[in-house]
């Protein structure tokens, strides 16, 4: 647990930082073939506990940045978060439905969302999808991208 915690602590320092955390594959097991049953996803407790500890650091604010296919799935993801990771408060959850974005790829959708942010704060994105991380890094070089494998001690 200490490696990830210390890494984030070092990055944040005394700068106001917002960390966007993906759900599928980062805090919830990604089950191939079951994308529409989020309420049945297995929580990844080790990662959830690490993020909860990080959320207690000064100057950091954790937020969810997740994608789903339909708007109806947003409620499922919120219910899952309420049950397994309530420290991500409702006002800090940004769950994007692909149907609302004309079914563009999740990587593009997340980059579009992040483009609208105020540049005054340091931003970190934690995701398991390398395509998402590469897309964000190419379009928004000022945003730090971290692959979820950094959470493994």
N, C-alpha and C. Protein backbone atom coordinates (compact mmCIF):
# COMPACT_ATOMS: atom_id res chain seq x y z
N UNK A 1 0.82 -1.19 0.00
CA UNK A 1 0.00 0.00 0.00
C UNK A 1 0.86 1.26 0.00
N UNK A 2 2.04 1.16 0.55
CA UNK A 2 2.86 2.35 0.73
C UNK A 2 3.40 2.92 -0.57
N UNK A 3 3.73 2.07 -1.54
CA UNK A 3 4.31 2.59 -2.78
C UNK A 3 3.36 3.58 -3.45
N UNK A 4 2.13 3.16 -3.68
CA UNK A 4 1.17 4.01 -4.36
C UNK A 4 0.88 5.27 -3.55
N UNK A 5 0.68 5.11 -2.27
CA UNK A 5 0.41 6.24 -1.38
C UNK A 5 1.56 7.25 -1.45
N UNK A 6 2.79 6.76 -1.33
CA UNK A 6 3.95 7.66 -1.37
C UNK A 6 4.13 8.30 -2.74
N UNK A 7 3.85 7.56 -3.80
CA UNK A 7 3.93 8.12 -5.15
C UNK A 7 2.97 9.30 -5.30
N UNK A 8 1.73 9.11 -4.89
CA UNK A 8 0.74 10.17 -5.01
C UNK A 8 1.10 11.34 -4.09
N UNK A 9 1.54 11.04 -2.89
CA UNK A 9 1.94 12.09 -1.94
C UNK A 9 3.07 12.94 -2.53
N UNK A 10 4.02 12.30 -3.18
CA UNK A 10 5.14 13.02 -3.81
C UNK A 10 4.66 13.88 -4.97
N UNK A 11 3.78 13.34 -5.80
CA UNK A 11 3.26 14.09 -6.95
C UNK A 11 2.46 15.29 -6.49
N UNK A 12 1.61 15.09 -5.51
CA UNK A 12 0.72 16.16 -5.03
C UNK A 12 1.52 17.26 -4.36
N UNK A 13 2.40 16.88 -3.46
CA UNK A 13 3.16 17.89 -2.72
C UNK A 13 2.22 18.88 -2.07
N UNK A 14 2.45 20.17 -2.34
CA UNK A 14 1.57 21.19 -1.77
C UNK A 14 0.64 21.80 -2.81
N UNK A 15 0.52 21.13 -3.98
CA UNK A 15 -0.35 21.62 -5.05
C UNK A 15 -1.76 21.06 -4.91
N UNK A 16 -2.75 21.90 -5.11
CA UNK A 16 -4.14 21.43 -5.18
C UNK A 16 -4.23 20.47 -6.35
N UNK A 17 -4.67 19.24 -6.10
CA UNK A 17 -4.67 18.19 -7.12
C UNK A 17 -6.02 17.49 -7.16
N UNK A 18 -6.49 17.24 -8.37
CA UNK A 18 -7.68 16.44 -8.56
C UNK A 18 -7.27 15.15 -9.26
N UNK A 19 -7.66 14.02 -8.68
CA UNK A 19 -7.35 12.73 -9.29
C UNK A 19 -8.66 12.09 -9.75
N UNK A 20 -8.74 11.83 -11.05
CA UNK A 20 -9.88 11.15 -11.64
C UNK A 20 -9.56 9.66 -11.71
N UNK A 21 -10.45 8.86 -11.14
CA UNK A 21 -10.25 7.41 -11.04
C UNK A 21 -11.31 6.71 -11.89
N UNK A 22 -10.86 5.82 -12.74
CA UNK A 22 -11.76 4.97 -13.51
C UNK A 22 -12.34 3.90 -12.59
N UNK A 23 -13.48 3.35 -12.97
CA UNK A 23 -14.08 2.29 -12.15
C UNK A 23 -13.75 0.90 -12.68
N UNK A 24 -14.18 0.61 -13.92
CA UNK A 24 -14.04 -0.74 -14.49
C UNK A 24 -12.57 -1.13 -14.60
N UNK A 25 -12.17 -2.15 -13.89
CA UNK A 25 -10.79 -2.63 -13.94
C UNK A 25 -9.88 -1.97 -12.93
N UNK A 26 -10.33 -0.89 -12.28
CA UNK A 26 -9.51 -0.19 -11.29
C UNK A 26 -10.04 -0.44 -9.89
N UNK A 27 -11.33 -0.18 -9.67
CA UNK A 27 -11.91 -0.46 -8.35
C UNK A 27 -12.99 -1.54 -8.41
N UNK A 28 -13.39 -1.90 -9.62
CA UNK A 28 -14.35 -2.99 -9.82
C UNK A 28 -13.77 -3.94 -10.86
N UNK A 29 -13.92 -5.23 -10.62
CA UNK A 29 -13.39 -6.21 -11.57
C UNK A 29 -14.08 -6.02 -12.92
N UNK A 30 -13.29 -6.12 -13.97
CA UNK A 30 -13.84 -5.99 -15.32
C UNK A 30 -14.15 -7.39 -15.81
N UNK A 31 -15.42 -7.67 -16.00
CA UNK A 31 -15.85 -9.00 -16.46
C UNK A 31 -16.18 -8.93 -17.94
N UNK A 32 -15.37 -9.56 -18.76
CA UNK A 32 -15.67 -9.60 -20.19
C UNK A 32 -17.00 -10.29 -20.42
N UNK A 33 -17.80 -9.71 -21.29
CA UNK A 33 -19.09 -10.31 -21.61
C UNK A 33 -20.22 -9.91 -20.70
N UNK A 34 -19.93 -9.13 -19.66
CA UNK A 34 -20.98 -8.69 -18.73
C UNK A 34 -20.93 -7.17 -18.52
N UNK A 35 -20.86 -6.39 -19.59
CA UNK A 35 -20.72 -4.94 -19.41
C UNK A 35 -21.98 -4.26 -18.88
N UNK A 36 -23.13 -4.93 -18.96
CA UNK A 36 -24.37 -4.28 -18.55
C UNK A 36 -24.83 -4.67 -17.16
N UNK A 37 -24.03 -5.40 -16.43
CA UNK A 37 -24.41 -5.84 -15.09
C UNK A 37 -23.45 -5.27 -14.06
N UNK A 38 -23.37 -3.96 -13.98
CA UNK A 38 -22.38 -3.36 -13.09
C UNK A 38 -22.66 -3.66 -11.63
N UNK A 39 -23.91 -3.79 -11.29
CA UNK A 39 -24.26 -4.06 -9.90
C UNK A 39 -23.73 -5.40 -9.40
N UNK A 40 -23.29 -6.26 -10.33
CA UNK A 40 -22.76 -7.57 -9.95
C UNK A 40 -21.23 -7.61 -10.01
N UNK A 41 -20.60 -6.49 -10.29
CA UNK A 41 -19.13 -6.46 -10.39
C UNK A 41 -18.51 -6.66 -9.01
N UNK A 42 -17.45 -7.42 -8.99
CA UNK A 42 -16.71 -7.68 -7.75
C UNK A 42 -15.86 -6.45 -7.40
N UNK A 43 -15.98 -5.94 -6.18
CA UNK A 43 -15.15 -4.81 -5.77
C UNK A 43 -13.69 -5.25 -5.59
N UNK A 44 -12.77 -4.42 -6.00
CA UNK A 44 -11.34 -4.67 -5.81
C UNK A 44 -10.94 -3.95 -4.51
N UNK A 45 -11.14 -4.63 -3.41
CA UNK A 45 -11.00 -4.01 -2.09
C UNK A 45 -9.62 -3.43 -1.83
N UNK A 46 -8.58 -4.09 -2.31
CA UNK A 46 -7.23 -3.58 -2.08
C UNK A 46 -7.07 -2.20 -2.70
N UNK A 47 -7.51 -2.04 -3.94
CA UNK A 47 -7.41 -0.74 -4.60
C UNK A 47 -8.32 0.29 -3.94
N UNK A 48 -9.50 -0.14 -3.55
CA UNK A 48 -10.43 0.79 -2.89
C UNK A 48 -9.82 1.31 -1.60
N UNK A 49 -9.21 0.42 -0.82
CA UNK A 49 -8.59 0.84 0.45
C UNK A 49 -7.43 1.80 0.20
N UNK A 50 -6.63 1.53 -0.83
CA UNK A 50 -5.51 2.42 -1.14
C UNK A 50 -6.01 3.80 -1.53
N UNK A 51 -7.06 3.85 -2.33
CA UNK A 51 -7.61 5.14 -2.73
C UNK A 51 -8.25 5.87 -1.56
N UNK A 52 -8.88 5.13 -0.67
CA UNK A 52 -9.47 5.78 0.50
C UNK A 52 -8.38 6.44 1.35
N UNK A 53 -7.22 5.78 1.48
CA UNK A 53 -6.09 6.38 2.21
C UNK A 53 -5.58 7.62 1.48
N UNK A 54 -5.46 7.55 0.17
CA UNK A 54 -5.01 8.70 -0.62
C UNK A 54 -5.99 9.87 -0.46
N UNK A 55 -7.27 9.56 -0.36
CA UNK A 55 -8.28 10.62 -0.24
C UNK A 55 -8.11 11.45 1.03
N UNK A 56 -7.37 10.91 1.99
CA UNK A 56 -7.15 11.62 3.26
C UNK A 56 -5.95 12.58 3.20
N UNK A 57 -5.19 12.53 2.11
CA UNK A 57 -4.05 13.45 1.96
C UNK A 57 -4.55 14.88 1.81
N UNK A 58 -3.75 15.80 2.33
CA UNK A 58 -4.06 17.22 2.11
C UNK A 58 -3.90 17.54 0.63
N UNK A 59 -4.66 18.46 0.14
CA UNK A 59 -4.55 19.01 -1.22
C UNK A 59 -5.01 18.07 -2.34
N UNK A 60 -5.59 16.92 -2.01
CA UNK A 60 -6.05 16.04 -3.09
C UNK A 60 -7.55 15.82 -2.99
N UNK A 61 -8.16 15.80 -4.14
CA UNK A 61 -9.59 15.52 -4.22
C UNK A 61 -9.77 14.39 -5.22
N UNK A 62 -10.36 13.29 -4.76
CA UNK A 62 -10.60 12.16 -5.64
C UNK A 62 -11.97 12.29 -6.29
N UNK A 63 -12.00 11.97 -7.57
CA UNK A 63 -13.25 11.97 -8.32
C UNK A 63 -13.29 10.71 -9.19
N UNK A 64 -14.47 10.29 -9.51
CA UNK A 64 -14.67 9.18 -10.44
C UNK A 64 -14.80 9.76 -11.84
N UNK A 65 -14.14 9.13 -12.81
CA UNK A 65 -14.37 9.44 -14.23
C UNK A 65 -14.51 8.10 -14.93
N UNK A 66 -15.76 7.74 -15.19
CA UNK A 66 -16.05 6.42 -15.72
C UNK A 66 -16.99 6.54 -16.92
N UNK A 67 -16.96 5.53 -17.75
CA UNK A 67 -17.83 5.49 -18.93
C UNK A 67 -18.75 4.29 -18.84
N UNK A 68 -19.89 4.42 -19.46
CA UNK A 68 -20.82 3.30 -19.59
C UNK A 68 -21.56 3.46 -20.92
N UNK A 69 -22.26 2.44 -21.32
CA UNK A 69 -22.93 2.48 -22.62
C UNK A 69 -24.19 3.34 -22.60
N UNK A 70 -25.03 3.15 -21.59
CA UNK A 70 -26.33 3.82 -21.57
C UNK A 70 -26.50 4.65 -20.30
N UNK A 71 -27.39 5.62 -20.37
CA UNK A 71 -27.63 6.46 -19.20
C UNK A 71 -28.22 5.68 -18.04
N UNK A 72 -28.95 4.60 -18.33
CA UNK A 72 -29.52 3.79 -17.24
C UNK A 72 -28.43 3.14 -16.40
N UNK A 73 -27.27 2.91 -16.98
CA UNK A 73 -26.17 2.30 -16.23
C UNK A 73 -25.55 3.27 -15.22
N UNK A 74 -25.77 4.55 -15.39
CA UNK A 74 -25.22 5.53 -14.45
C UNK A 74 -25.75 5.24 -13.05
N UNK A 75 -27.04 4.95 -12.94
CA UNK A 75 -27.63 4.62 -11.63
C UNK A 75 -26.99 3.38 -11.03
N UNK A 76 -26.74 2.36 -11.86
CA UNK A 76 -26.09 1.14 -11.37
C UNK A 76 -24.71 1.45 -10.79
N UNK A 77 -23.95 2.26 -11.52
CA UNK A 77 -22.60 2.59 -11.05
C UNK A 77 -22.66 3.41 -9.76
N UNK A 78 -23.61 4.33 -9.67
CA UNK A 78 -23.75 5.12 -8.45
C UNK A 78 -24.14 4.24 -7.27
N UNK A 79 -25.02 3.30 -7.49
CA UNK A 79 -25.41 2.39 -6.40
C UNK A 79 -24.22 1.54 -5.96
N UNK A 80 -23.42 1.09 -6.92
CA UNK A 80 -22.23 0.31 -6.60
C UNK A 80 -21.27 1.15 -5.75
N UNK A 81 -21.04 2.40 -6.16
CA UNK A 81 -20.15 3.29 -5.41
C UNK A 81 -20.69 3.55 -4.00
N UNK A 82 -21.99 3.77 -3.88
CA UNK A 82 -22.59 3.97 -2.56
C UNK A 82 -22.30 2.79 -1.64
N UNK A 83 -22.31 1.60 -2.21
CA UNK A 83 -22.12 0.38 -1.42
C UNK A 83 -20.65 0.11 -1.10
N UNK A 84 -19.76 0.26 -2.10
CA UNK A 84 -18.38 -0.19 -1.93
C UNK A 84 -17.34 0.93 -1.78
N UNK A 85 -17.63 2.12 -2.25
CA UNK A 85 -16.64 3.22 -2.17
C UNK A 85 -17.35 4.55 -1.93
N UNK A 86 -18.06 4.66 -0.80
CA UNK A 86 -18.84 5.87 -0.54
C UNK A 86 -18.01 7.13 -0.31
N UNK A 87 -16.70 6.98 -0.11
CA UNK A 87 -15.86 8.18 0.03
C UNK A 87 -15.79 8.97 -1.27
N UNK A 88 -16.18 8.35 -2.40
CA UNK A 88 -16.39 9.10 -3.64
C UNK A 88 -17.81 9.66 -3.55
N UNK A 89 -17.95 10.86 -3.05
CA UNK A 89 -19.28 11.42 -2.84
C UNK A 89 -19.96 11.68 -4.18
N UNK A 90 -21.28 11.74 -4.16
CA UNK A 90 -22.08 11.88 -5.39
C UNK A 90 -21.65 13.08 -6.24
N UNK A 91 -21.28 14.17 -5.60
CA UNK A 91 -20.89 15.37 -6.35
C UNK A 91 -19.51 15.23 -6.99
N UNK A 92 -18.80 14.15 -6.69
CA UNK A 92 -17.46 13.92 -7.25
C UNK A 92 -17.45 12.76 -8.23
N UNK A 93 -18.63 12.38 -8.72
CA UNK A 93 -18.75 11.27 -9.66
C UNK A 93 -19.13 11.80 -11.03
N UNK A 94 -18.32 11.47 -12.00
CA UNK A 94 -18.57 11.89 -13.39
C UNK A 94 -18.63 10.62 -14.23
N UNK A 95 -19.85 10.16 -14.44
CA UNK A 95 -20.07 8.92 -15.18
C UNK A 95 -20.70 9.30 -16.51
N UNK A 96 -19.98 9.02 -17.59
CA UNK A 96 -20.37 9.46 -18.92
C UNK A 96 -21.00 8.31 -19.70
N UNK A 97 -22.18 8.56 -20.24
CA UNK A 97 -22.88 7.54 -21.02
C UNK A 97 -22.55 7.71 -22.50
N UNK A 98 -22.08 6.65 -23.11
CA UNK A 98 -21.69 6.70 -24.53
C UNK A 98 -22.86 7.06 -25.44
N UNK A 99 -24.08 6.65 -25.07
CA UNK A 99 -25.23 6.98 -25.92
C UNK A 99 -25.44 8.49 -26.00
N UNK A 100 -25.08 9.21 -24.98
CA UNK A 100 -25.20 10.68 -24.97
C UNK A 100 -24.13 11.34 -25.84
N UNK A 101 -23.03 10.63 -26.07
CA UNK A 101 -21.91 11.14 -26.87
C UNK A 101 -21.85 10.45 -28.23
N UNK A 102 -22.98 10.03 -28.75
CA UNK A 102 -23.06 9.36 -30.06
C UNK A 102 -22.16 8.14 -30.16
N UNK A 103 -22.00 7.45 -29.06
CA UNK A 103 -21.24 6.19 -28.98
C UNK A 103 -19.80 6.31 -29.46
N UNK A 104 -19.16 7.46 -29.20
CA UNK A 104 -17.73 7.56 -29.48
C UNK A 104 -16.98 6.71 -28.45
N UNK A 105 -15.73 6.46 -28.73
CA UNK A 105 -14.92 5.62 -27.83
C UNK A 105 -14.76 6.29 -26.45
N UNK A 106 -14.64 5.46 -25.43
CA UNK A 106 -14.47 5.96 -24.06
C UNK A 106 -13.27 6.88 -23.93
N UNK A 107 -12.19 6.55 -24.64
CA UNK A 107 -10.98 7.37 -24.56
C UNK A 107 -11.25 8.80 -25.04
N UNK A 108 -11.96 8.93 -26.15
CA UNK A 108 -12.30 10.25 -26.68
C UNK A 108 -13.28 10.98 -25.76
N UNK A 109 -14.24 10.25 -25.24
CA UNK A 109 -15.23 10.83 -24.35
C UNK A 109 -14.58 11.40 -23.09
N UNK A 110 -13.67 10.64 -22.50
CA UNK A 110 -12.98 11.10 -21.30
C UNK A 110 -12.09 12.31 -21.61
N UNK A 111 -11.40 12.27 -22.73
CA UNK A 111 -10.55 13.41 -23.11
C UNK A 111 -11.40 14.67 -23.32
N UNK A 112 -12.55 14.52 -23.97
CA UNK A 112 -13.45 15.67 -24.17
C UNK A 112 -13.90 16.25 -22.83
N UNK A 113 -14.23 15.38 -21.90
CA UNK A 113 -14.65 15.83 -20.57
C UNK A 113 -13.51 16.61 -19.89
N UNK A 114 -12.30 16.06 -19.94
CA UNK A 114 -11.17 16.67 -19.26
C UNK A 114 -10.73 17.98 -19.92
N UNK A 115 -10.98 18.13 -21.22
CA UNK A 115 -10.61 19.37 -21.92
C UNK A 115 -11.29 20.60 -21.35
N UNK A 116 -12.44 20.43 -20.77
CA UNK A 116 -13.22 21.56 -20.27
C UNK A 116 -12.79 22.03 -18.88
N UNK A 117 -11.82 21.36 -18.28
CA UNK A 117 -11.41 21.68 -16.92
C UNK A 117 -10.60 22.97 -16.86
N UNK A 118 -10.64 23.56 -15.71
CA UNK A 118 -9.82 24.73 -15.40
C UNK A 118 -8.37 24.27 -15.24
N UNK A 119 -7.43 24.95 -15.85
CA UNK A 119 -6.02 24.54 -15.81
C UNK A 119 -5.30 24.94 -14.53
N UNK A 120 -6.00 25.53 -13.58
CA UNK A 120 -5.33 26.02 -12.38
C UNK A 120 -4.89 24.90 -11.45
N UNK A 121 -5.55 23.76 -11.51
CA UNK A 121 -5.22 22.66 -10.61
C UNK A 121 -4.45 21.58 -11.34
N UNK A 122 -3.62 20.90 -10.60
CA UNK A 122 -2.93 19.74 -11.13
C UNK A 122 -3.94 18.61 -11.25
N UNK A 123 -3.90 17.89 -12.36
CA UNK A 123 -4.86 16.81 -12.59
C UNK A 123 -4.12 15.51 -12.87
N UNK A 124 -4.60 14.44 -12.25
CA UNK A 124 -4.07 13.10 -12.45
C UNK A 124 -5.24 12.23 -12.91
N UNK A 125 -4.98 11.36 -13.86
CA UNK A 125 -5.97 10.37 -14.29
C UNK A 125 -5.40 8.99 -14.00
N UNK A 126 -6.17 8.18 -13.27
CA UNK A 126 -5.80 6.81 -12.95
C UNK A 126 -6.76 5.89 -13.70
N UNK A 127 -6.21 5.09 -14.61
CA UNK A 127 -7.05 4.25 -15.45
C UNK A 127 -6.30 2.96 -15.75
N UNK A 128 -7.03 1.92 -16.10
CA UNK A 128 -6.41 0.65 -16.47
C UNK A 128 -6.27 0.51 -17.98
N UNK A 129 -6.89 1.38 -18.74
CA UNK A 129 -6.94 1.27 -20.20
C UNK A 129 -5.84 2.14 -20.82
N UNK A 130 -4.86 1.50 -21.42
CA UNK A 130 -3.75 2.24 -22.03
C UNK A 130 -4.20 3.13 -23.18
N UNK A 131 -5.26 2.75 -23.89
CA UNK A 131 -5.77 3.61 -24.97
C UNK A 131 -6.30 4.91 -24.38
N UNK A 132 -7.01 4.81 -23.29
CA UNK A 132 -7.52 6.02 -22.62
C UNK A 132 -6.35 6.90 -22.19
N UNK A 133 -5.37 6.30 -21.54
CA UNK A 133 -4.23 7.07 -21.04
C UNK A 133 -3.44 7.72 -22.18
N UNK A 134 -3.22 6.98 -23.27
CA UNK A 134 -2.49 7.54 -24.43
C UNK A 134 -3.27 8.70 -25.06
N UNK A 135 -4.58 8.53 -25.22
CA UNK A 135 -5.40 9.57 -25.82
C UNK A 135 -5.36 10.84 -24.98
N UNK A 136 -5.52 10.70 -23.69
CA UNK A 136 -5.49 11.87 -22.79
C UNK A 136 -4.11 12.51 -22.82
N UNK A 137 -3.06 11.69 -22.78
CA UNK A 137 -1.70 12.24 -22.78
C UNK A 137 -1.40 13.02 -24.07
N UNK A 138 -1.86 12.50 -25.21
CA UNK A 138 -1.62 13.19 -26.49
C UNK A 138 -2.38 14.51 -26.58
N UNK A 139 -3.62 14.53 -26.11
CA UNK A 139 -4.46 15.71 -26.25
C UNK A 139 -4.25 16.73 -25.13
N UNK A 140 -3.89 16.24 -23.97
CA UNK A 140 -3.82 17.09 -22.77
C UNK A 140 -2.52 16.80 -22.03
N UNK A 141 -1.42 17.27 -22.56
CA UNK A 141 -0.11 16.92 -22.02
C UNK A 141 0.10 17.38 -20.58
N UNK A 142 -0.66 18.37 -20.13
CA UNK A 142 -0.51 18.87 -18.76
C UNK A 142 -1.14 17.95 -17.72
N UNK A 143 -1.92 16.97 -18.17
CA UNK A 143 -2.55 16.03 -17.25
C UNK A 143 -1.63 14.82 -17.07
N UNK A 144 -1.40 14.46 -15.82
CA UNK A 144 -0.55 13.31 -15.52
C UNK A 144 -1.39 12.05 -15.60
N UNK A 145 -0.93 11.07 -16.32
CA UNK A 145 -1.64 9.80 -16.48
C UNK A 145 -0.90 8.70 -15.74
N UNK A 146 -1.65 7.94 -14.95
CA UNK A 146 -1.07 6.84 -14.19
C UNK A 146 -1.86 5.58 -14.50
N UNK A 147 -1.13 4.52 -14.85
CA UNK A 147 -1.75 3.23 -15.12
C UNK A 147 -2.01 2.55 -13.77
N UNK A 148 -3.12 1.86 -13.67
CA UNK A 148 -3.50 1.26 -12.38
C UNK A 148 -2.49 0.25 -11.86
N UNK A 149 -1.60 -0.26 -12.71
CA UNK A 149 -0.58 -1.20 -12.24
C UNK A 149 0.34 -0.55 -11.20
N UNK A 150 0.39 0.77 -11.13
CA UNK A 150 1.19 1.46 -10.12
C UNK A 150 0.64 1.24 -8.71
N UNK A 151 -0.58 0.74 -8.63
CA UNK A 151 -1.19 0.49 -7.32
C UNK A 151 -0.69 -0.81 -6.70
N UNK A 152 -0.03 -1.64 -7.50
CA UNK A 152 0.45 -2.94 -7.01
C UNK A 152 1.78 -2.78 -6.30
N UNK A 153 1.86 -3.26 -5.09
CA UNK A 153 3.12 -3.19 -4.34
C UNK A 153 3.98 -4.38 -4.64
